[in-house]
Amino acid sequence: MAESPRCAVCGRALRDPASRARGTGPVCDRKTRIPRLPAPRRPALPPYVDGRPIDDVTSPLF
């Protein structure tokens, strides 16, 4: 995004270089920011798979 001298949300003058690069002021940025969702958690593995300890089981995912 090109630097803008005015906030894209409310139109106020932007003084901070980071705000200009973002295109919104700090207050409008907090009000309009999409909350970041936590990363999905992996399901817990059972201690045994097919009668063998989980450490002995090889998987292409690990």
PDB file of N, CA and C in Angstrom:
ATOM      1  N   MET A   1       0.850  -1.173   0.000  1.00  0.00           N
ATOM      2  CA  MET A   1       0.000   0.000   0.000  1.00  0.00           C
ATOM      3  C   MET A   1       0.893   1.233   0.000  1.00  0.00           C
ATOM      4  N   ALA A   2       0.590   2.189  -0.826  1.00  0.00           N
ATOM      5  CA  ALA A   2       1.367   3.420  -0.901  1.00  0.00           C
ATOM      6  C   ALA A   2       1.112   4.259   0.345  1.00  0.00           C
ATOM      7  N   GLU A   3       2.123   5.026   0.735  1.00  0.00           N
ATOM      8  CA  GLU A   3       1.964   5.868   1.920  1.00  0.00           C
ATOM      9  C   GLU A   3       0.885   6.909   1.677  1.00  0.00           C
ATOM     10  N   SER A   4       0.069   7.113   2.699  1.00  0.00           N
ATOM     11  CA  SER A   4      -1.031   8.055   2.595  1.00  0.00           C
ATOM     12  C   SER A   4      -0.910   9.082   3.711  1.00  0.00           C
ATOM     13  N   PRO A   5      -1.129  10.367   3.411  1.00  0.00           N
ATOM     14  CA  PRO A   5      -1.048  11.382   4.462  1.00  0.00           C
ATOM     15  C   PRO A   5      -2.297  11.427   5.331  1.00  0.00           C
ATOM     16  N   ARG A   6      -3.367  10.734   4.931  1.00  0.00           N
ATOM     17  CA  ARG A   6      -4.624  10.756   5.678  1.00  0.00           C
ATOM     18  C   ARG A   6      -5.092   9.332   5.969  1.00  0.00           C
ATOM     19  N   CYS A   7      -5.790   9.169   7.105  1.00  0.00           N
ATOM     20  CA  CYS A   7      -6.332   7.869   7.506  1.00  0.00           C
ATOM     21  C   CYS A   7      -7.424   7.466   6.525  1.00  0.00           C
ATOM     22  N   ALA A   8      -7.388   6.222   6.069  1.00  0.00           N
ATOM     23  CA  ALA A   8      -8.370   5.725   5.119  1.00  0.00           C
ATOM     24  C   ALA A   8      -9.739   5.527   5.763  1.00  0.00           C
ATOM     25  N   VAL A   9      -9.796   5.470   7.105  1.00  0.00           N
ATOM     26  CA  VAL A   9     -11.064   5.234   7.790  1.00  0.00           C
ATOM     27  C   VAL A   9     -11.739   6.551   8.172  1.00  0.00           C
ATOM     28  N   CYS A  10     -10.990   7.414   8.883  1.00  0.00           N
ATOM     29  CA  CYS A  10     -11.616   8.634   9.402  1.00  0.00           C
ATOM     30  C   CYS A  10     -11.154   9.904   8.702  1.00  0.00           C
ATOM     31  N   GLY A  11     -10.078   9.855   7.934  1.00  0.00           N
ATOM     32  CA  GLY A  11      -9.612  11.015   7.199  1.00  0.00           C
ATOM     33  C   GLY A  11      -8.679  11.949   7.952  1.00  0.00           C
ATOM     34  N   ARG A  12      -8.335  11.624   9.188  1.00  0.00           N
ATOM     35  CA  ARG A  12      -7.423  12.476   9.949  1.00  0.00           C
ATOM     36  C   ARG A  12      -6.015  12.380   9.402  1.00  0.00           C
ATOM     37  N   ALA A  13      -5.217  13.417   9.642  1.00  0.00           N
ATOM     38  CA  ALA A  13      -3.833  13.440   9.172  1.00  0.00           C
ATOM     39  C   ALA A  13      -3.016  12.397   9.935  1.00  0.00           C
ATOM     40  N   LEU A  14      -2.159  11.693   9.198  1.00  0.00           N
ATOM     41  CA  LEU A  14      -1.297  10.674   9.808  1.00  0.00           C
ATOM     42  C   LEU A  14       0.089  11.263   9.989  1.00  0.00           C
ATOM     43  N   ARG A  15       0.626  11.191  11.226  1.00  0.00           N
ATOM     44  CA  ARG A  15       1.938  11.770  11.519  1.00  0.00           C
ATOM     45  C   ARG A  15       3.027  10.711  11.631  1.00  0.00           C
ATOM     46  N   ASP A  16       2.671   9.530  12.083  1.00  0.00           N
ATOM     47  CA  ASP A  16       3.643   8.464  12.316  1.00  0.00           C
ATOM     48  C   ASP A  16       3.966   7.751  11.000  1.00  0.00           C
ATOM     49  N   PRO A  17       5.256   7.478  10.711  1.00  0.00           N
ATOM     50  CA  PRO A  17       5.605   6.775   9.469  1.00  0.00           C
ATOM     51  C   PRO A  17       4.947   5.394   9.351  1.00  0.00           C
ATOM     52  N   ALA A  18       4.828   4.677  10.462  1.00  0.00           N
ATOM     53  CA  ALA A  18       4.188   3.354  10.416  1.00  0.00           C
ATOM     54  C   ALA A  18       2.710   3.485  10.074  1.00  0.00           C
ATOM     55  N   SER A  19       2.058   4.501  10.626  1.00  0.00           N
ATOM     56  CA  SER A  19       0.644   4.729  10.317  1.00  0.00           C
ATOM     57  C   SER A  19       0.465   5.108   8.857  1.00  0.00           C
ATOM     58  N   ARG A  20       1.365   5.935   8.350  1.00  0.00           N
ATOM     59  CA  ARG A  20       1.287   6.322   6.939  1.00  0.00           C
ATOM     60  C   ARG A  20       1.464   5.109   6.034  1.00  0.00           C
ATOM     61  N   ALA A  21       2.388   4.238   6.381  1.00  0.00           N
ATOM     62  CA  ALA A  21       2.621   3.037   5.573  1.00  0.00           C
ATOM     63  C   ALA A  21       1.410   2.104   5.634  1.00  0.00           C
ATOM     64  N   ARG A  22       0.765   2.030   6.809  1.00  0.00           N
ATOM     65  CA  ARG A  22      -0.400   1.170   6.989  1.00  0.00           C
ATOM     66  C   ARG A  22      -1.650   1.787   6.356  1.00  0.00           C
ATOM     67  N   GLY A  23      -1.723   3.118   6.361  1.00  0.00           N
ATOM     68  CA  GLY A  23      -2.871   3.813   5.785  1.00  0.00           C
ATOM     69  C   GLY A  23      -3.970   4.123   6.775  1.00  0.00           C
ATOM     70  N   THR A  24      -3.770   3.729   8.042  1.00  0.00           N
ATOM     71  CA  THR A  24      -4.741   4.033   9.090  1.00  0.00           C
ATOM     72  C   THR A  24      -4.001   4.461  10.340  1.00  0.00           C
ATOM     73  N   GLY A  25      -4.664   5.271  11.154  1.00  0.00           N
ATOM     74  CA  GLY A  25      -4.098   5.684  12.429  1.00  0.00           C
ATOM     75  C   GLY A  25      -4.197   4.565  13.451  1.00  0.00           C
ATOM     76  N   PRO A  26      -3.559   4.734  14.616  1.00  0.00           N
ATOM     77  CA  PRO A  26      -3.551   3.661  15.615  1.00  0.00           C
ATOM     78  C   PRO A  26      -4.940   3.334  16.161  1.00  0.00           C
ATOM     79  N   VAL A  27      -5.783   4.344  16.363  1.00  0.00           N
ATOM     80  CA  VAL A  27      -7.123   4.098  16.910  1.00  0.00           C
ATOM     81  C   VAL A  27      -7.987   3.373  15.881  1.00  0.00           C
ATOM     82  N   CYS A  28      -7.992   3.853  14.652  1.00  0.00           N
ATOM     83  CA  CYS A  28      -8.786   3.193  13.605  1.00  0.00           C
ATOM     84  C   CYS A  28      -8.255   1.799  13.308  1.00  0.00           C
ATOM     85  N   ASP A  29      -6.949   1.623  13.421  1.00  0.00           N
ATOM     86  CA  ASP A  29      -6.365   0.302  13.192  1.00  0.00           C
ATOM     87  C   ASP A  29      -6.866  -0.690  14.233  1.00  0.00           C
ATOM     88  N   ARG A  30      -6.906  -0.274  15.510  1.00  0.00           N
ATOM     89  CA  ARG A  30      -7.406  -1.161  16.566  1.00  0.00           C
ATOM     90  C   ARG A  30      -8.883  -1.462  16.387  1.00  0.00           C
ATOM     91  N   LYS A  31      -9.652  -0.460  15.940  1.00  0.00           N
ATOM     92  CA  LYS A  31     -11.096  -0.656  15.787  1.00  0.00           C
ATOM     93  C   LYS A  31     -11.441  -1.537  14.593  1.00  0.00           C
ATOM     94  N   THR A  32     -10.638  -1.501  13.543  1.00  0.00           N
ATOM     95  CA  THR A  32     -10.985  -2.227  12.328  1.00  0.00           C
ATOM     96  C   THR A  32     -10.159  -3.479  12.096  1.00  0.00           C
ATOM     97  N   ARG A  33      -9.185  -3.758  12.943  1.00  0.00           N
ATOM     98  CA  ARG A  33      -8.326  -4.922  12.745  1.00  0.00           C
ATOM     99  C   ARG A  33      -9.113  -6.205  12.955  1.00  0.00           C
ATOM    100  N   ILE A  34      -8.888  -7.180  12.101  1.00  0.00           N
ATOM    101  CA  ILE A  34      -9.508  -8.490  12.246  1.00  0.00           C
ATOM    102  C   ILE A  34      -8.722  -9.260  13.301  1.00  0.00           C
ATOM    103  N   PRO A  35      -9.399  -9.760  14.337  1.00  0.00           N
ATOM    104  CA  PRO A  35      -8.654 -10.485  15.380  1.00  0.00           C
ATOM    105  C   PRO A  35      -8.009 -11.738  14.820  1.00  0.00           C
ATOM    106  N   ARG A  36      -6.810 -12.003  15.261  1.00  0.00           N
ATOM    107  CA  ARG A  36      -6.076 -13.192  14.819  1.00  0.00           C
ATOM    108  C   ARG A  36      -6.529 -14.383  15.653  1.00  0.00           C
ATOM    109  N   LEU A  37      -6.919 -15.444  14.980  1.00  0.00           N
ATOM    110  CA  LEU A  37      -7.367 -16.649  15.665  1.00  0.00           C
ATOM    111  C   LEU A  37      -6.167 -17.466  16.121  1.00  0.00           C
ATOM    112  N   PRO A  38      -6.303 -18.164  17.252  1.00  0.00           N
ATOM    113  CA  PRO A  38      -5.193 -19.016  17.688  1.00  0.00           C
ATOM    114  C   PRO A  38      -4.991 -20.171  16.715  1.00  0.00           C
ATOM    115  N   ALA A  39      -3.773 -20.658  16.664  1.00  0.00           N
ATOM    116  CA  ALA A  39      -3.451 -21.778  15.788  1.00  0.00           C
ATOM    117  C   ALA A  39      -4.210 -23.020  16.263  1.00  0.00           C
ATOM    118  N   PRO A  40      -4.690 -23.833  15.335  1.00  0.00           N
ATOM    119  CA  PRO A  40      -5.399 -25.041  15.754  1.00  0.00           C
ATOM    120  C   PRO A  40      -4.456 -25.980  16.490  1.00  0.00           C
ATOM    121  N   ARG A  41      -4.980 -26.594  17.531  1.00  0.00           N
ATOM    122  CA  ARG A  41      -4.161 -27.520  18.314  1.00  0.00           C
ATOM    123  C   ARG A  41      -4.250 -28.915  17.726  1.00  0.00           C
ATOM    124  N   ARG A  42      -3.138 -29.620  17.776  1.00  0.00           N
ATOM    125  CA  ARG A  42      -3.119 -30.995  17.298  1.00  0.00           C
ATOM    126  C   ARG A  42      -3.772 -31.884  18.344  1.00  0.00           C
ATOM    127  N   PRO A  43      -4.501 -32.907  17.935  1.00  0.00           N
ATOM    128  CA  PRO A  43      -5.117 -33.805  18.908  1.00  0.00           C
ATOM    129  C   PRO A  43      -4.044 -34.603  19.650  1.00  0.00           C
ATOM    130  N   ALA A  44      -4.353 -34.925  20.885  1.00  0.00           N
ATOM    131  CA  ALA A  44      -3.427 -35.720  21.690  1.00  0.00           C
ATOM    132  C   ALA A  44      -3.336 -37.129  21.116  1.00  0.00           C
ATOM    133  N   LEU A  45      -2.146 -37.678  21.096  1.00  0.00           N
ATOM    134  CA  LEU A  45      -1.944 -39.028  20.586  1.00  0.00           C
ATOM    135  C   LEU A  45      -2.035 -40.031  21.724  1.00  0.00           C
ATOM    136  N   PRO A  46      -2.548 -41.215  21.438  1.00  0.00           N
ATOM    137  CA  PRO A  46      -2.577 -42.244  22.484  1.00  0.00           C
ATOM    138  C   PRO A  46      -1.148 -42.714  22.768  1.00  0.00           C
ATOM    139  N   PRO A  47      -0.893 -43.240  23.964  1.00  0.00           N
ATOM    140  CA  PRO A  47       0.470 -43.682  24.281  1.00  0.00           C
ATOM    141  C   PRO A  47       0.900 -44.898  23.459  1.00  0.00           C
ATOM    142  N   TYR A  48      -0.062 -45.652  22.916  1.00  0.00           N
ATOM    143  CA  TYR A  48       0.268 -46.842  22.127  1.00  0.00           C
ATOM    144  C   TYR A  48      -0.531 -46.840  20.834  1.00  0.00           C
ATOM    145  N   VAL A  49       0.103 -47.308  19.753  1.00  0.00           N
ATOM    146  CA  VAL A  49      -0.566 -47.489  18.478  1.00  0.00           C
ATOM    147  C   VAL A  49      -0.266 -48.916  18.025  1.00  0.00           C
ATOM    148  N   ASP A  50      -1.301 -49.692  17.783  1.00  0.00           N
ATOM    149  CA  ASP A  50      -1.154 -51.095  17.375  1.00  0.00           C
ATOM    150  C   ASP A  50      -0.284 -51.884  18.349  1.00  0.00           C
ATOM    151  N   GLY A  51      -0.383 -51.589  19.628  1.00  0.00           N
ATOM    152  CA  GLY A  51       0.350 -52.337  20.631  1.00  0.00           C
ATOM    153  C   GLY A  51       1.802 -51.921  20.795  1.00  0.00           C
ATOM    154  N   ARG A  52       2.286 -50.952  19.992  1.00  0.00           N
ATOM    155  CA  ARG A  52       3.671 -50.491  20.108  1.00  0.00           C
ATOM    156  C   ARG A  52       3.687 -49.104  20.741  1.00  0.00           C
ATOM    157  N   PRO A  53       4.722 -48.783  21.510  1.00  0.00           N
ATOM    158  CA  PRO A  53       4.820 -47.428  22.064  1.00  0.00           C
ATOM    159  C   PRO A  53       4.856 -46.403  20.926  1.00  0.00           C
ATOM    160  N   ILE A  54       4.301 -45.254  21.154  1.00  0.00           N
ATOM    161  CA  ILE A  54       4.189 -44.237  20.117  1.00  0.00           C
ATOM    162  C   ILE A  54       5.562 -43.830  19.575  1.00  0.00           C
ATOM    163  N   ASP A  55       6.632 -43.948  20.367  1.00  0.00           N
ATOM    164  CA  ASP A  55       7.971 -43.586  19.910  1.00  0.00           C
ATOM    165  C   ASP A  55       8.463 -44.530  18.807  1.00  0.00           C
ATOM    166  N   ASP A  56       7.932 -45.752  18.756  1.00  0.00           N
ATOM    167  CA  ASP A  56       8.381 -46.720  17.753  1.00  0.00           C
ATOM    168  C   ASP A  56       7.639 -46.566  16.437  1.00  0.00           C
ATOM    169  N   VAL A  57       6.558 -45.824  16.415  1.00  0.00           N
ATOM    170  CA  VAL A  57       5.745 -45.682  15.210  1.00  0.00           C
ATOM    171  C   VAL A  57       6.308 -44.553  14.361  1.00  0.00           C
ATOM    172  N   THR A  58       6.606 -44.864  13.103  1.00  0.00           N
ATOM    173  CA  THR A  58       7.109 -43.828  12.209  1.00  0.00           C
ATOM    174  C   THR A  58       5.949 -43.309  11.375  1.00  0.00           C
ATOM    175  N   SER A  59       6.008 -42.039  11.072  1.00  0.00           N
ATOM    176  CA  SER A  59       4.932 -41.422  10.312  1.00  0.00           C
ATOM    177  C   SER A  59       5.551 -40.399   9.360  1.00  0.00           C
ATOM    178  N   PRO A  60       5.019 -40.264   8.165  1.00  0.00           N
ATOM    179  CA  PRO A  60       5.553 -39.244   7.229  1.00  0.00           C
ATOM    180  C   PRO A  60       5.217 -37.831   7.695  1.00  0.00           C
ATOM    181  N   LEU A  61       4.316 -37.693   8.669  1.00  0.00           N
ATOM    182  CA  LEU A  61       3.926 -36.356   9.141  1.00  0.00           C
ATOM    183  C   LEU A  61       4.914 -35.787  10.148  1.00  0.00           C
ATOM    184  N   PHE A  62       5.746 -36.602  10.726  1.00  0.00           N
ATOM    185  CA  PHE A  62       6.661 -36.115  11.763  1.00  0.00           C
ATOM    186  C   PHE A  62       8.053 -36.063  11.242  1.00  0.00           C
TER     187      PHE A  62
END
